[in-house]
């Protein structure tokens, strides 16, 4: 994860400069896998099929302007896919996309494969 989506960046800037009240995301945060990377304004193309489902993303406390996932994240029984990135969503009734980013290395799965992310392998940074 490398980038904050534009809408979230605007919410944080407004709150930082007291032009609006910040509404926190609805927890738990969810990690989505994408086959086409998104942009600051458009979500990526999310994986579908198999038993794929967004997974809960727990992040550790920030230090020096960044934070990373605090637990292993597993996606099991994947469909055939080439995963190129991730999107992070909150868990509201209408989920709000917060972060997005490309994987360092694309991950190709066969039907039934798993994808795992080790602790500290997903990093969000504001610096």
C-alpha atoms as a PDB file:
ATOM      1  CA  UNK A   1       0.000   0.000   0.000  1.00  0.00           C
ATOM      2  CA  UNK A   2       1.514   3.204  -0.963  1.00  0.00           C
ATOM      3  CA  UNK A   3      -1.080   5.868  -1.563  1.00  0.00           C
ATOM      4  CA  UNK A   4      -3.974   7.518   0.180  1.00  0.00           C
ATOM      5  CA  UNK A   5      -7.056   7.898  -2.002  1.00  0.00           C
ATOM      6  CA  UNK A   6      -7.932  11.485  -2.933  1.00  0.00           C
ATOM      7  CA  UNK A   7     -11.197  11.602  -0.956  1.00  0.00           C
ATOM      8  CA  UNK A   8      -9.460  10.461   2.235  1.00  0.00           C
ATOM      9  CA  UNK A   9      -6.573  12.892   1.673  1.00  0.00           C
ATOM     10  CA  UNK A  10      -9.124  15.698   1.376  1.00  0.00           C
ATOM     11  CA  UNK A  11     -10.889  14.599   4.585  1.00  0.00           C
ATOM     12  CA  UNK A  12      -7.581  14.576   6.489  1.00  0.00           C
ATOM     13  CA  UNK A  13      -6.508  17.953   5.139  1.00  0.00           C
ATOM     14  CA  UNK A  14      -9.865  19.502   6.002  1.00  0.00           C
ATOM     15  CA  UNK A  15      -9.657  18.105   9.531  1.00  0.00           C
ATOM     16  CA  UNK A  16      -6.008  19.170   9.948  1.00  0.00           C
ATOM     17  CA  UNK A  17      -6.793  22.742   8.969  1.00  0.00           C
ATOM     18  CA  UNK A  18     -10.118  22.827  10.834  1.00  0.00           C
ATOM     19  CA  UNK A  19     -12.293  23.381   7.764  1.00  0.00           C
ATOM     20  CA  UNK A  20     -14.349  20.236   8.460  1.00  0.00           C
ATOM     21  CA  UNK A  21     -14.852  17.589  11.123  1.00  0.00           C
ATOM     22  CA  UNK A  22     -13.223  14.257  10.358  1.00  0.00           C
ATOM     23  CA  UNK A  23     -15.413  11.165  10.316  1.00  0.00           C
ATOM     24  CA  UNK A  24     -13.333   8.121  11.170  1.00  0.00           C
ATOM     25  CA  UNK A  25     -13.612   4.970   9.064  1.00  0.00           C
ATOM     26  CA  UNK A  26     -15.899   2.187  10.244  1.00  0.00           C
ATOM     27  CA  UNK A  27     -13.869  -0.734  11.547  1.00  0.00           C
ATOM     28  CA  UNK A  28     -12.688  -3.322  10.891  1.00  0.00           C
ATOM     29  CA  UNK A  29     -10.676  -2.226   7.874  1.00  0.00           C
ATOM     30  CA  UNK A  30     -10.778  -4.700   4.958  1.00  0.00           C
ATOM     31  CA  UNK A  31      -8.040  -5.603   2.481  1.00  0.00           C
ATOM     32  CA  UNK A  32      -9.134  -6.250  -1.110  1.00  0.00           C
ATOM     33  CA  UNK A  33      -6.984  -7.824  -3.821  1.00  0.00           C
ATOM     34  CA  UNK A  34      -7.084  -6.264  -7.285  1.00  0.00           C
ATOM     35  CA  UNK A  35      -6.212  -7.480 -10.775  1.00  0.00           C
ATOM     36  CA  UNK A  36      -6.037  -3.936 -12.181  1.00  0.00           C
ATOM     37  CA  UNK A  37      -4.495  -1.266  -9.975  1.00  0.00           C
ATOM     38  CA  UNK A  38      -6.677   1.659  -9.021  1.00  0.00           C
ATOM     39  CA  UNK A  39      -5.871   5.351  -8.861  1.00  0.00           C
ATOM     40  CA  UNK A  40      -6.353   8.052  -6.260  1.00  0.00           C
ATOM     41  CA  UNK A  41      -9.899   8.528  -7.565  1.00  0.00           C
ATOM     42  CA  UNK A  42     -10.912   5.096  -8.929  1.00  0.00           C
ATOM     43  CA  UNK A  43     -10.909   1.702  -7.201  1.00  0.00           C
ATOM     44  CA  UNK A  44      -8.976  -1.174  -8.698  1.00  0.00           C
ATOM     45  CA  UNK A  45     -10.667  -4.196 -10.307  1.00  0.00           C
ATOM     46  CA  UNK A  46     -11.302  -6.533  -7.391  1.00  0.00           C
ATOM     47  CA  UNK A  47     -10.715 -10.283  -7.598  1.00  0.00           C
ATOM     48  CA  UNK A  48     -13.893 -12.373  -7.887  1.00  0.00           C
ATOM     49  CA  UNK A  49     -14.607 -16.086  -7.764  1.00  0.00           C
ATOM     50  CA  UNK A  50     -13.456 -19.040  -5.724  1.00  0.00           C
ATOM     51  CA  UNK A  51     -13.954 -18.345  -2.045  1.00  0.00           C
ATOM     52  CA  UNK A  52     -12.295 -14.931  -2.377  1.00  0.00           C
ATOM     53  CA  UNK A  53     -13.473 -12.393   0.195  1.00  0.00           C
ATOM     54  CA  UNK A  54     -11.968  -9.227   1.598  1.00  0.00           C
ATOM     55  CA  UNK A  55      -9.934  -9.913   4.725  1.00  0.00           C
ATOM     56  CA  UNK A  56      -9.683  -7.935   7.951  1.00  0.00           C
ATOM     57  CA  UNK A  57      -6.607  -5.713   8.059  1.00  0.00           C
ATOM     58  CA  UNK A  58      -5.149  -4.832  11.455  1.00  0.00           C
ATOM     59  CA  UNK A  59      -2.416  -2.197  11.471  1.00  0.00           C
ATOM     60  CA  UNK A  60       0.098  -1.445  14.192  1.00  0.00           C
ATOM     61  CA  UNK A  61       0.503   2.006  15.697  1.00  0.00           C
ATOM     62  CA  UNK A  62       2.211   4.578  13.491  1.00  0.00           C
ATOM     63  CA  UNK A  63       5.822   5.601  14.062  1.00  0.00           C
ATOM     64  CA  UNK A  64       7.866   8.044  11.991  1.00  0.00           C
ATOM     65  CA  UNK A  65       4.904   8.636   9.670  1.00  0.00           C
ATOM     66  CA  UNK A  66       4.183   5.032   8.711  1.00  0.00           C
ATOM     67  CA  UNK A  67       2.537   1.857   9.967  1.00  0.00           C
ATOM     68  CA  UNK A  68       2.298  -1.772   8.852  1.00  0.00           C
ATOM     69  CA  UNK A  69       0.021  -4.768   9.221  1.00  0.00           C
ATOM     70  CA  UNK A  70       0.227  -6.334  12.667  1.00  0.00           C
ATOM     71  CA  UNK A  71      -0.966  -9.807  11.735  1.00  0.00           C
ATOM     72  CA  UNK A  72      -0.671 -12.309   8.915  1.00  0.00           C
ATOM     73  CA  UNK A  73      -3.401 -11.898   6.282  1.00  0.00           C
ATOM     74  CA  UNK A  74      -4.565 -14.999   4.404  1.00  0.00           C
ATOM     75  CA  UNK A  75      -6.731 -15.270   1.301  1.00  0.00           C
ATOM     76  CA  UNK A  76      -7.632 -18.937   0.747  1.00  0.00           C
ATOM     77  CA  UNK A  77      -9.248 -20.894  -2.095  1.00  0.00           C
ATOM     78  CA  UNK A  78      -8.445 -18.161  -4.617  1.00  0.00           C
ATOM     79  CA  UNK A  79      -9.726 -18.245  -8.194  1.00  0.00           C
ATOM     80  CA  UNK A  80      -7.374 -18.127 -11.178  1.00  0.00           C
ATOM     81  CA  UNK A  81      -6.031 -14.563 -11.036  1.00  0.00           C
ATOM     82  CA  UNK A  82      -3.034 -12.308 -11.338  1.00  0.00           C
ATOM     83  CA  UNK A  83      -3.098  -9.984  -8.345  1.00  0.00           C
ATOM     84  CA  UNK A  84      -1.269  -6.711  -8.976  1.00  0.00           C
ATOM     85  CA  UNK A  85      -2.278  -4.616  -5.977  1.00  0.00           C
ATOM     86  CA  UNK A  86      -4.523  -3.959  -3.013  1.00  0.00           C
ATOM     87  CA  UNK A  87      -7.262  -1.563  -1.962  1.00  0.00           C
ATOM     88  CA  UNK A  88      -8.144  -0.891   1.681  1.00  0.00           C
ATOM     89  CA  UNK A  89     -11.786  -0.244   2.533  1.00  0.00           C
ATOM     90  CA  UNK A  90     -13.595   0.508   5.741  1.00  0.00           C
ATOM     91  CA  UNK A  91     -16.557  -1.609   6.833  1.00  0.00           C
ATOM     92  CA  UNK A  92     -19.390   0.932   6.579  1.00  0.00           C
ATOM     93  CA  UNK A  93     -22.744   0.020   5.018  1.00  0.00           C
ATOM     94  CA  UNK A  94     -21.415   1.785   1.938  1.00  0.00           C
ATOM     95  CA  UNK A  95     -17.683   1.040   2.286  1.00  0.00           C
ATOM     96  CA  UNK A  96     -15.245   3.915   1.934  1.00  0.00           C
ATOM     97  CA  UNK A  97     -11.970   3.249   0.101  1.00  0.00           C
ATOM     98  CA  UNK A  98      -8.998   4.585   2.075  1.00  0.00           C
ATOM     99  CA  UNK A  99      -5.709   3.348   0.572  1.00  0.00           C
ATOM    100  CA  UNK A 100      -4.417   1.605  -2.538  1.00  0.00           C
ATOM    101  CA  UNK A 101      -1.133   0.370  -3.881  1.00  0.00           C
ATOM    102  CA  UNK A 102       0.693  -1.971  -6.212  1.00  0.00           C
ATOM    103  CA  UNK A 103       2.372  -5.141  -5.039  1.00  0.00           C
ATOM    104  CA  UNK A 104       6.153  -5.247  -5.399  1.00  0.00           C
ATOM    105  CA  UNK A 105       5.711  -8.515  -7.315  1.00  0.00           C
ATOM    106  CA  UNK A 106       2.492  -9.639  -8.982  1.00  0.00           C
ATOM    107  CA  UNK A 107       1.055 -12.868  -7.581  1.00  0.00           C
ATOM    108  CA  UNK A 108      -0.555 -15.387  -9.947  1.00  0.00           C
ATOM    109  CA  UNK A 109      -2.880 -17.994  -8.479  1.00  0.00           C
ATOM    110  CA  UNK A 110      -4.366 -21.207  -9.768  1.00  0.00           C
ATOM    111  CA  UNK A 111      -7.834 -22.232  -8.620  1.00  0.00           C
ATOM    112  CA  UNK A 112      -7.667 -23.156  -4.929  1.00  0.00           C
ATOM    113  CA  UNK A 113      -4.345 -21.417  -4.200  1.00  0.00           C
ATOM    114  CA  UNK A 114      -3.774 -19.102  -1.249  1.00  0.00           C
ATOM    115  CA  UNK A 115      -2.121 -15.705  -0.953  1.00  0.00           C
ATOM    116  CA  UNK A 116      -0.645 -14.592   2.373  1.00  0.00           C
ATOM    117  CA  UNK A 117       0.890 -11.351   3.551  1.00  0.00           C
ATOM    118  CA  UNK A 118       3.414 -11.624   6.372  1.00  0.00           C
ATOM    119  CA  UNK A 119       3.403  -9.285   9.353  1.00  0.00           C
ATOM    120  CA  UNK A 120       4.801  -5.851   8.387  1.00  0.00           C
ATOM    121  CA  UNK A 121       4.634  -6.569   4.647  1.00  0.00           C
ATOM    122  CA  UNK A 122       1.897  -3.991   3.958  1.00  0.00           C
ATOM    123  CA  UNK A 123       3.058  -0.469   4.780  1.00  0.00           C
ATOM    124  CA  UNK A 124       1.123   2.796   4.753  1.00  0.00           C
ATOM    125  CA  UNK A 125       3.110   6.017   4.930  1.00  0.00           C
ATOM    126  CA  UNK A 126       2.408   9.737   5.014  1.00  0.00           C
ATOM    127  CA  UNK A 127       6.048  10.746   4.716  1.00  0.00           C
END
